[in-house]
């Protein structure tokens, strides 16, 4: 028995439009997908209750928050025991600069997305926090040249005109 929710074309269309703009009114969403508002709202509620839609949020400009530099970091660690993994994960997850943190299969052990003000702030984070952790074996930083798409939404310069 599968936990997968069955989605039809209308469900996918609703999800597409909500991904683009989570603030759409039900009336506007219904119009875009070719439904009247009551059945559209029922579908959205069903998608929420089924856990397909897990929430709504505001997308904040990193520059407006003083976090214009984003760095992707690959991390390999020495630790092989559960306690060390959990301690490392707990510490790194608590850092304000960390906006995404994943344990990976294979190498690297972890993938971290860091958002800071500038190169100096990243150096401070890297040398003062991340590289000081006892479990860290190797760090590799990747600076973004150009953001093309994020969160399933093209960046402003790549949206269809």
N, C-alpha and C. Protein backbone atom coordinates (compact mmCIF):
# COMPACT_ATOMS: atom_id res chain seq x y z
N UNK A 1 0.84 -1.18 0.00
CA UNK A 1 0.00 0.00 0.00
C UNK A 1 0.88 1.24 0.00
N UNK A 2 0.61 2.18 -0.90
CA UNK A 2 1.45 3.36 -1.07
C UNK A 2 0.89 4.56 -0.31
N UNK A 3 1.78 5.38 0.22
CA UNK A 3 1.37 6.63 0.88
C UNK A 3 1.28 7.77 -0.11
N UNK A 4 1.59 7.50 -1.36
CA UNK A 4 1.61 8.52 -2.38
C UNK A 4 0.19 9.00 -2.68
N UNK A 5 0.01 10.31 -2.76
CA UNK A 5 -1.29 10.91 -3.06
C UNK A 5 -1.46 10.93 -4.57
N UNK A 6 -2.64 10.56 -5.01
CA UNK A 6 -2.94 10.56 -6.44
C UNK A 6 -3.26 12.00 -6.87
N UNK A 7 -2.48 12.51 -7.81
CA UNK A 7 -2.68 13.87 -8.31
C UNK A 7 -3.12 13.82 -9.77
N UNK A 8 -4.18 14.56 -10.08
CA UNK A 8 -4.57 14.65 -11.48
C UNK A 8 -4.02 15.94 -12.07
N UNK A 9 -4.33 16.19 -13.33
CA UNK A 9 -3.79 17.37 -14.01
C UNK A 9 -4.23 18.67 -13.34
N UNK A 10 -5.47 18.72 -12.85
CA UNK A 10 -5.94 19.94 -12.17
C UNK A 10 -5.18 20.18 -10.87
N UNK A 11 -4.94 19.11 -10.12
CA UNK A 11 -4.14 19.25 -8.89
C UNK A 11 -2.75 19.81 -9.22
N UNK A 12 -2.13 19.26 -10.25
CA UNK A 12 -0.80 19.72 -10.65
C UNK A 12 -0.83 21.19 -11.09
N UNK A 13 -1.88 21.58 -11.77
CA UNK A 13 -2.02 22.97 -12.20
C UNK A 13 -2.19 23.88 -10.98
N UNK A 14 -2.98 23.47 -10.02
CA UNK A 14 -3.16 24.24 -8.78
C UNK A 14 -1.81 24.39 -8.08
N UNK A 15 -1.07 23.29 -7.94
CA UNK A 15 0.23 23.34 -7.28
C UNK A 15 1.20 24.24 -8.03
N UNK A 16 1.19 24.19 -9.35
CA UNK A 16 2.05 25.07 -10.15
C UNK A 16 1.78 26.53 -9.82
N UNK A 17 0.51 26.93 -9.83
CA UNK A 17 0.18 28.34 -9.58
C UNK A 17 0.47 28.75 -8.14
N UNK A 18 0.22 27.87 -7.18
CA UNK A 18 0.54 28.20 -5.79
C UNK A 18 2.04 28.28 -5.56
N UNK A 19 2.81 27.48 -6.28
CA UNK A 19 4.27 27.55 -6.18
C UNK A 19 4.76 28.90 -6.71
N UNK A 20 4.13 29.39 -7.75
CA UNK A 20 4.50 30.67 -8.33
C UNK A 20 4.10 31.84 -7.42
N UNK A 21 2.91 31.72 -6.79
CA UNK A 21 2.41 32.79 -5.94
C UNK A 21 1.49 32.20 -4.89
N UNK A 22 2.01 31.95 -3.71
CA UNK A 22 1.24 31.36 -2.62
C UNK A 22 0.19 32.29 -2.04
N UNK A 23 0.18 33.54 -2.48
CA UNK A 23 -0.78 34.51 -1.96
C UNK A 23 -1.99 34.68 -2.87
N UNK A 24 -2.09 33.86 -3.90
CA UNK A 24 -3.25 33.95 -4.78
C UNK A 24 -4.53 33.75 -3.98
N UNK A 25 -5.55 34.53 -4.29
CA UNK A 25 -6.84 34.29 -3.66
C UNK A 25 -7.43 33.04 -4.29
N UNK A 26 -8.35 32.41 -3.60
CA UNK A 26 -9.01 31.23 -4.15
C UNK A 26 -9.73 31.58 -5.45
N UNK A 27 -10.33 32.76 -5.51
CA UNK A 27 -11.04 33.19 -6.71
C UNK A 27 -10.07 33.28 -7.90
N UNK A 28 -8.93 33.90 -7.68
CA UNK A 28 -7.94 34.04 -8.76
C UNK A 28 -7.37 32.69 -9.15
N UNK A 29 -7.07 31.85 -8.18
CA UNK A 29 -6.55 30.52 -8.45
C UNK A 29 -7.57 29.71 -9.26
N UNK A 30 -8.82 29.76 -8.85
CA UNK A 30 -9.88 29.03 -9.57
C UNK A 30 -9.97 29.50 -11.02
N UNK A 31 -9.88 30.79 -11.22
CA UNK A 31 -9.94 31.33 -12.58
C UNK A 31 -8.77 30.83 -13.42
N UNK A 32 -7.58 30.80 -12.83
CA UNK A 32 -6.40 30.36 -13.58
C UNK A 32 -6.44 28.88 -13.96
N UNK A 33 -7.08 28.06 -13.14
CA UNK A 33 -7.11 26.63 -13.44
C UNK A 33 -8.42 26.18 -14.09
N UNK A 34 -9.33 27.12 -14.28
CA UNK A 34 -10.57 26.79 -14.99
C UNK A 34 -11.63 26.12 -14.13
N UNK A 35 -11.66 26.45 -12.84
CA UNK A 35 -12.69 25.92 -11.94
C UNK A 35 -13.48 27.08 -11.36
N UNK A 36 -14.61 26.76 -10.73
CA UNK A 36 -15.28 27.76 -9.91
C UNK A 36 -14.64 27.71 -8.53
N UNK A 37 -14.77 28.77 -7.73
CA UNK A 37 -14.09 28.81 -6.43
C UNK A 37 -14.37 27.65 -5.46
N UNK A 38 -15.63 27.18 -5.27
CA UNK A 38 -15.84 26.11 -4.29
C UNK A 38 -15.06 24.82 -4.58
N UNK A 39 -15.12 24.25 -5.79
CA UNK A 39 -14.34 23.03 -6.01
C UNK A 39 -12.82 23.27 -5.97
N UNK A 40 -12.40 24.46 -6.34
CA UNK A 40 -10.97 24.78 -6.26
C UNK A 40 -10.53 24.77 -4.80
N UNK A 41 -11.31 25.40 -3.94
CA UNK A 41 -10.98 25.43 -2.52
C UNK A 41 -10.99 24.02 -1.92
N UNK A 42 -11.94 23.18 -2.33
CA UNK A 42 -11.97 21.79 -1.84
C UNK A 42 -10.69 21.06 -2.23
N UNK A 43 -10.23 21.27 -3.46
CA UNK A 43 -9.00 20.61 -3.92
C UNK A 43 -7.79 21.10 -3.11
N UNK A 44 -7.71 22.40 -2.89
CA UNK A 44 -6.58 22.95 -2.12
C UNK A 44 -6.61 22.38 -0.70
N UNK A 45 -7.77 22.34 -0.08
CA UNK A 45 -7.89 21.80 1.28
C UNK A 45 -7.49 20.32 1.30
N UNK A 46 -7.91 19.56 0.28
CA UNK A 46 -7.55 18.14 0.19
C UNK A 46 -6.04 17.99 0.06
N UNK A 47 -5.41 18.85 -0.75
CA UNK A 47 -3.96 18.80 -0.92
C UNK A 47 -3.23 19.16 0.38
N UNK A 48 -3.78 20.10 1.13
CA UNK A 48 -3.20 20.46 2.43
C UNK A 48 -3.35 19.29 3.42
N UNK A 49 -4.54 18.73 3.50
CA UNK A 49 -4.80 17.64 4.45
C UNK A 49 -3.99 16.38 4.13
N UNK A 50 -3.73 16.17 2.83
CA UNK A 50 -2.95 15.01 2.41
C UNK A 50 -1.45 15.22 2.59
N UNK A 51 -1.06 16.44 2.97
CA UNK A 51 0.36 16.72 3.18
C UNK A 51 1.12 17.05 1.91
N UNK A 52 0.41 17.25 0.81
CA UNK A 52 1.06 17.66 -0.43
C UNK A 52 1.49 19.12 -0.31
N UNK A 53 0.58 19.95 0.17
CA UNK A 53 0.92 21.35 0.48
C UNK A 53 1.24 21.36 1.97
N UNK A 54 2.50 21.67 2.29
CA UNK A 54 2.93 21.60 3.69
C UNK A 54 3.00 22.96 4.37
N UNK A 55 2.76 24.03 3.63
CA UNK A 55 2.77 25.35 4.23
C UNK A 55 2.91 26.44 3.20
N UNK A 56 2.84 27.65 3.67
CA UNK A 56 2.98 28.83 2.84
C UNK A 56 4.01 29.73 3.51
N UNK A 57 4.78 30.45 2.73
CA UNK A 57 5.80 31.29 3.34
C UNK A 57 6.13 32.47 2.45
N UNK A 58 6.77 33.44 3.05
CA UNK A 58 7.25 34.61 2.31
C UNK A 58 8.68 34.33 1.86
N UNK A 59 9.01 34.72 0.66
CA UNK A 59 10.38 34.61 0.17
C UNK A 59 11.01 35.98 0.36
N UNK A 60 12.04 36.03 1.18
CA UNK A 60 12.66 37.29 1.60
C UNK A 60 13.94 37.52 0.80
N UNK A 61 14.16 38.75 0.39
CA UNK A 61 15.38 39.11 -0.31
C UNK A 61 16.57 38.97 0.63
N UNK A 62 17.56 38.13 0.28
CA UNK A 62 18.75 38.01 1.13
C UNK A 62 19.47 39.34 1.30
N UNK A 63 19.53 40.13 0.25
CA UNK A 63 20.20 41.44 0.31
C UNK A 63 19.52 42.35 1.33
N UNK A 64 18.19 42.32 1.37
CA UNK A 64 17.45 43.17 2.31
C UNK A 64 17.73 42.78 3.75
N UNK A 65 18.11 41.52 3.96
CA UNK A 65 18.41 41.03 5.31
C UNK A 65 19.90 41.07 5.63
N UNK A 66 20.70 41.67 4.75
CA UNK A 66 22.14 41.74 4.98
C UNK A 66 22.82 40.41 4.77
N UNK A 67 22.28 39.58 3.88
CA UNK A 67 22.84 38.25 3.61
C UNK A 67 22.97 38.02 2.11
N UNK A 68 23.63 38.95 1.45
CA UNK A 68 23.73 38.92 0.00
C UNK A 68 24.70 37.89 -0.56
N UNK A 69 25.55 37.31 0.26
CA UNK A 69 26.50 36.30 -0.22
C UNK A 69 26.04 34.93 0.24
N UNK A 70 25.83 34.04 -0.72
CA UNK A 70 25.46 32.67 -0.41
C UNK A 70 26.60 31.75 -0.84
N UNK A 71 26.97 30.84 0.05
CA UNK A 71 28.05 29.90 -0.21
C UNK A 71 27.53 28.49 0.03
N UNK A 72 27.85 27.58 -0.88
CA UNK A 72 27.52 26.18 -0.73
C UNK A 72 28.77 25.47 -0.20
N UNK A 73 28.62 24.71 0.85
CA UNK A 73 29.77 24.07 1.50
C UNK A 73 29.57 22.56 1.56
N UNK A 74 30.56 21.84 1.05
CA UNK A 74 30.61 20.38 1.19
C UNK A 74 31.44 20.09 2.43
N UNK A 75 30.95 19.20 3.29
CA UNK A 75 31.66 18.87 4.52
C UNK A 75 31.82 17.36 4.64
N UNK A 76 33.05 16.95 4.91
CA UNK A 76 33.31 15.56 5.27
C UNK A 76 33.76 15.57 6.72
N UNK A 77 33.31 14.56 7.47
CA UNK A 77 33.65 14.50 8.89
C UNK A 77 34.38 13.21 9.21
N UNK A 78 35.10 13.23 10.36
CA UNK A 78 35.81 12.06 10.86
C UNK A 78 34.85 11.07 11.50
N UNK A 79 33.84 11.59 12.14
CA UNK A 79 32.98 10.81 13.02
C UNK A 79 32.31 9.64 12.32
N UNK A 80 32.21 8.52 13.04
CA UNK A 80 31.51 7.35 12.53
C UNK A 80 30.43 6.89 13.51
N UNK A 81 30.38 7.50 14.68
CA UNK A 81 29.41 7.06 15.68
C UNK A 81 28.22 8.04 15.73
N UNK A 82 27.08 7.53 16.11
CA UNK A 82 25.83 8.28 16.12
C UNK A 82 25.91 9.54 16.99
N UNK A 83 26.54 9.45 18.15
CA UNK A 83 26.65 10.60 19.04
C UNK A 83 27.39 11.76 18.38
N UNK A 84 28.49 11.46 17.71
CA UNK A 84 29.26 12.51 17.02
C UNK A 84 28.46 13.13 15.88
N UNK A 85 27.75 12.30 15.11
CA UNK A 85 26.92 12.82 14.03
C UNK A 85 25.86 13.75 14.59
N UNK A 86 25.18 13.29 15.62
CA UNK A 86 24.09 14.08 16.20
C UNK A 86 24.59 15.38 16.79
N UNK A 87 25.74 15.34 17.45
CA UNK A 87 26.32 16.56 18.04
C UNK A 87 26.71 17.55 16.94
N UNK A 88 27.38 17.05 15.90
CA UNK A 88 27.77 17.90 14.77
C UNK A 88 26.52 18.52 14.15
N UNK A 89 25.51 17.72 13.89
CA UNK A 89 24.28 18.22 13.26
C UNK A 89 23.59 19.26 14.13
N UNK A 90 23.54 19.02 15.42
CA UNK A 90 22.90 19.95 16.33
C UNK A 90 23.60 21.31 16.35
N UNK A 91 24.92 21.28 16.39
CA UNK A 91 25.69 22.53 16.43
C UNK A 91 25.53 23.29 15.12
N UNK A 92 25.73 22.62 14.00
CA UNK A 92 25.66 23.31 12.70
C UNK A 92 24.26 23.84 12.45
N UNK A 93 23.23 23.07 12.78
CA UNK A 93 21.85 23.51 12.58
C UNK A 93 21.52 24.75 13.41
N UNK A 94 22.22 24.95 14.51
CA UNK A 94 21.95 26.11 15.37
C UNK A 94 22.54 27.41 14.83
N UNK A 95 23.45 27.32 13.88
CA UNK A 95 24.08 28.53 13.36
C UNK A 95 23.10 29.33 12.51
N UNK A 96 23.01 30.61 12.82
CA UNK A 96 22.12 31.53 12.10
C UNK A 96 22.47 31.62 10.61
N UNK A 97 23.73 31.51 10.31
CA UNK A 97 24.19 31.66 8.93
C UNK A 97 23.76 30.49 8.03
N UNK A 98 23.45 29.36 8.64
CA UNK A 98 23.09 28.15 7.90
C UNK A 98 21.61 28.21 7.52
N UNK A 99 21.34 28.22 6.21
CA UNK A 99 19.96 28.30 5.75
C UNK A 99 19.45 26.98 5.16
N UNK A 100 20.36 26.06 4.92
CA UNK A 100 19.99 24.72 4.47
C UNK A 100 21.10 23.77 4.92
N UNK A 101 20.71 22.59 5.38
CA UNK A 101 21.68 21.65 5.92
C UNK A 101 21.18 20.24 5.65
N UNK A 102 21.95 19.45 4.90
CA UNK A 102 21.53 18.11 4.52
C UNK A 102 22.63 17.09 4.78
N UNK A 103 22.25 15.94 5.29
CA UNK A 103 23.17 14.80 5.37
C UNK A 103 23.02 14.04 4.05
N UNK A 104 24.14 13.72 3.44
CA UNK A 104 24.13 13.13 2.11
C UNK A 104 24.52 11.65 2.16
N UNK A 105 24.13 10.92 1.14
CA UNK A 105 24.66 9.58 0.92
C UNK A 105 26.00 9.75 0.23
N UNK A 106 26.98 8.95 0.57
CA UNK A 106 28.29 9.05 -0.08
C UNK A 106 29.04 10.29 0.36
N UNK A 107 29.82 10.85 -0.57
CA UNK A 107 30.61 12.04 -0.28
C UNK A 107 30.06 13.23 -1.03
N UNK A 108 30.00 14.38 -0.44
CA UNK A 108 30.41 14.71 0.92
C UNK A 108 29.39 14.15 1.92
N UNK A 109 29.75 14.18 3.19
CA UNK A 109 28.84 13.73 4.23
C UNK A 109 27.67 14.70 4.41
N UNK A 110 27.99 15.99 4.25
CA UNK A 110 26.98 17.03 4.46
C UNK A 110 27.09 18.09 3.37
N UNK A 111 25.94 18.69 3.11
CA UNK A 111 25.84 19.84 2.22
C UNK A 111 25.22 20.96 3.04
N UNK A 112 25.87 22.12 3.04
CA UNK A 112 25.39 23.25 3.83
C UNK A 112 25.28 24.47 2.93
N UNK A 113 24.16 25.18 3.02
CA UNK A 113 24.00 26.47 2.35
C UNK A 113 24.12 27.54 3.42
N UNK A 114 25.02 28.46 3.18
CA UNK A 114 25.32 29.51 4.16
C UNK A 114 25.00 30.86 3.52
N UNK A 115 24.33 31.73 4.25
CA UNK A 115 24.04 33.08 3.77
C UNK A 115 24.62 34.09 4.76
N UNK A 116 25.49 34.94 4.25
CA UNK A 116 26.16 35.96 5.07
C UNK A 116 26.20 37.27 4.29
N UNK A 117 26.69 38.31 4.94
CA UNK A 117 26.72 39.64 4.32
C UNK A 117 27.74 39.73 3.19
N UNK A 118 28.93 39.19 3.41
CA UNK A 118 29.99 39.38 2.42
C UNK A 118 31.10 38.36 2.65
N UNK A 119 32.19 38.48 1.89
CA UNK A 119 33.30 37.53 2.00
C UNK A 119 33.94 37.54 3.39
N UNK A 120 34.06 38.69 3.98
CA UNK A 120 34.66 38.77 5.32
C UNK A 120 33.79 38.04 6.34
N UNK A 121 32.48 38.20 6.22
CA UNK A 121 31.57 37.50 7.14
C UNK A 121 31.64 36.00 6.94
N UNK A 122 31.81 35.56 5.69
CA UNK A 122 31.95 34.13 5.44
C UNK A 122 33.25 33.59 6.02
N UNK A 123 34.31 34.34 5.86
CA UNK A 123 35.59 33.92 6.43
C UNK A 123 35.47 33.77 7.94
N UNK A 124 34.81 34.73 8.58
CA UNK A 124 34.60 34.67 10.03
C UNK A 124 33.79 33.43 10.41
N UNK A 125 32.73 33.16 9.66
CA UNK A 125 31.91 31.97 9.92
C UNK A 125 32.73 30.70 9.73
N UNK A 126 33.46 30.62 8.62
CA UNK A 126 34.21 29.41 8.30
C UNK A 126 35.32 29.15 9.31
N UNK A 127 36.11 30.17 9.61
CA UNK A 127 37.25 29.98 10.50
C UNK A 127 36.85 29.99 11.98
N UNK A 128 35.80 30.72 12.32
CA UNK A 128 35.42 30.85 13.72
C UNK A 128 34.40 29.84 14.21
N UNK A 129 33.68 29.24 13.27
CA UNK A 129 32.63 28.30 13.68
C UNK A 129 32.81 26.93 13.03
N UNK A 130 32.66 26.88 11.73
CA UNK A 130 32.57 25.58 11.06
C UNK A 130 33.86 24.77 11.12
N UNK A 131 34.98 25.38 10.77
CA UNK A 131 36.23 24.61 10.73
C UNK A 131 36.76 24.26 12.12
N UNK A 132 36.22 24.88 13.16
CA UNK A 132 36.66 24.59 14.53
C UNK A 132 36.00 23.35 15.12
N UNK A 133 34.97 22.85 14.48
CA UNK A 133 34.27 21.70 15.03
C UNK A 133 35.16 20.46 14.97
N UNK A 134 35.24 19.70 16.05
CA UNK A 134 36.18 18.58 16.12
C UNK A 134 35.92 17.48 15.08
N UNK A 135 34.70 17.33 14.62
CA UNK A 135 34.38 16.24 13.68
C UNK A 135 34.80 16.55 12.25
N UNK A 136 35.09 17.82 11.95
CA UNK A 136 35.33 18.23 10.56
C UNK A 136 36.66 17.68 10.03
N UNK A 137 36.58 17.00 8.91
CA UNK A 137 37.75 16.47 8.22
C UNK A 137 38.13 17.38 7.06
N UNK A 138 37.13 17.75 6.24
CA UNK A 138 37.41 18.55 5.06
C UNK A 138 36.21 19.44 4.75
N UNK A 139 36.52 20.66 4.32
CA UNK A 139 35.50 21.61 3.89
C UNK A 139 35.83 22.07 2.47
N UNK A 140 34.81 22.20 1.65
CA UNK A 140 35.01 22.75 0.32
C UNK A 140 33.90 23.76 0.06
N UNK A 141 34.28 25.00 -0.18
CA UNK A 141 33.33 26.08 -0.40
C UNK A 141 33.11 26.32 -1.89
N UNK A 142 31.87 26.59 -2.24
CA UNK A 142 31.51 26.91 -3.63
C UNK A 142 30.74 28.22 -3.63
N UNK A 143 31.27 29.21 -4.34
CA UNK A 143 30.59 30.50 -4.45
C UNK A 143 29.73 30.50 -5.71
N UNK A 144 28.55 31.05 -5.60
CA UNK A 144 27.62 31.10 -6.73
C UNK A 144 28.01 32.22 -7.68
N UNK A 145 28.13 31.86 -8.95
CA UNK A 145 28.40 32.85 -9.97
C UNK A 145 27.10 33.58 -10.34
N UNK A 146 26.02 32.80 -10.50
CA UNK A 146 24.76 33.37 -10.95
C UNK A 146 23.63 32.44 -10.51
N UNK A 147 22.61 33.01 -9.90
CA UNK A 147 21.44 32.22 -9.50
C UNK A 147 20.46 32.21 -10.67
N UNK A 148 20.11 31.02 -11.13
CA UNK A 148 19.24 30.90 -12.29
C UNK A 148 17.82 30.50 -11.88
N UNK A 149 17.72 29.60 -10.93
CA UNK A 149 16.40 29.15 -10.47
C UNK A 149 16.53 28.70 -9.03
N UNK A 150 15.54 29.05 -8.20
CA UNK A 150 15.53 28.62 -6.82
C UNK A 150 14.09 28.37 -6.38
N UNK A 151 13.89 27.40 -5.50
CA UNK A 151 12.56 27.07 -4.98
C UNK A 151 11.55 26.81 -6.08
N UNK A 152 11.99 26.30 -7.20
CA UNK A 152 11.07 26.00 -8.28
C UNK A 152 10.60 27.22 -9.04
N UNK A 153 11.14 28.39 -8.71
CA UNK A 153 10.70 29.62 -9.36
C UNK A 153 11.89 30.28 -10.04
N UNK A 154 11.79 30.59 -11.34
CA UNK A 154 12.90 31.28 -12.00
C UNK A 154 13.17 32.62 -11.33
N UNK A 155 14.43 33.03 -11.32
CA UNK A 155 14.76 34.35 -10.79
C UNK A 155 14.20 35.40 -11.72
N UNK A 156 14.05 36.66 -11.26
CA UNK A 156 13.40 37.70 -12.08
C UNK A 156 13.99 37.82 -13.50
N UNK A 157 15.28 37.73 -13.63
CA UNK A 157 15.89 37.90 -14.96
C UNK A 157 15.63 36.73 -15.89
N UNK A 158 15.11 35.59 -15.36
CA UNK A 158 14.86 34.42 -16.19
C UNK A 158 13.39 34.10 -16.36
N UNK A 159 12.50 34.94 -15.83
CA UNK A 159 11.06 34.70 -16.03
C UNK A 159 10.69 35.03 -17.46
N UNK A 160 9.71 34.33 -17.93
CA UNK A 160 9.20 34.61 -19.29
C UNK A 160 8.67 36.03 -19.35
N UNK A 161 8.98 36.69 -20.41
CA UNK A 161 8.55 38.08 -20.54
C UNK A 161 7.26 38.17 -21.29
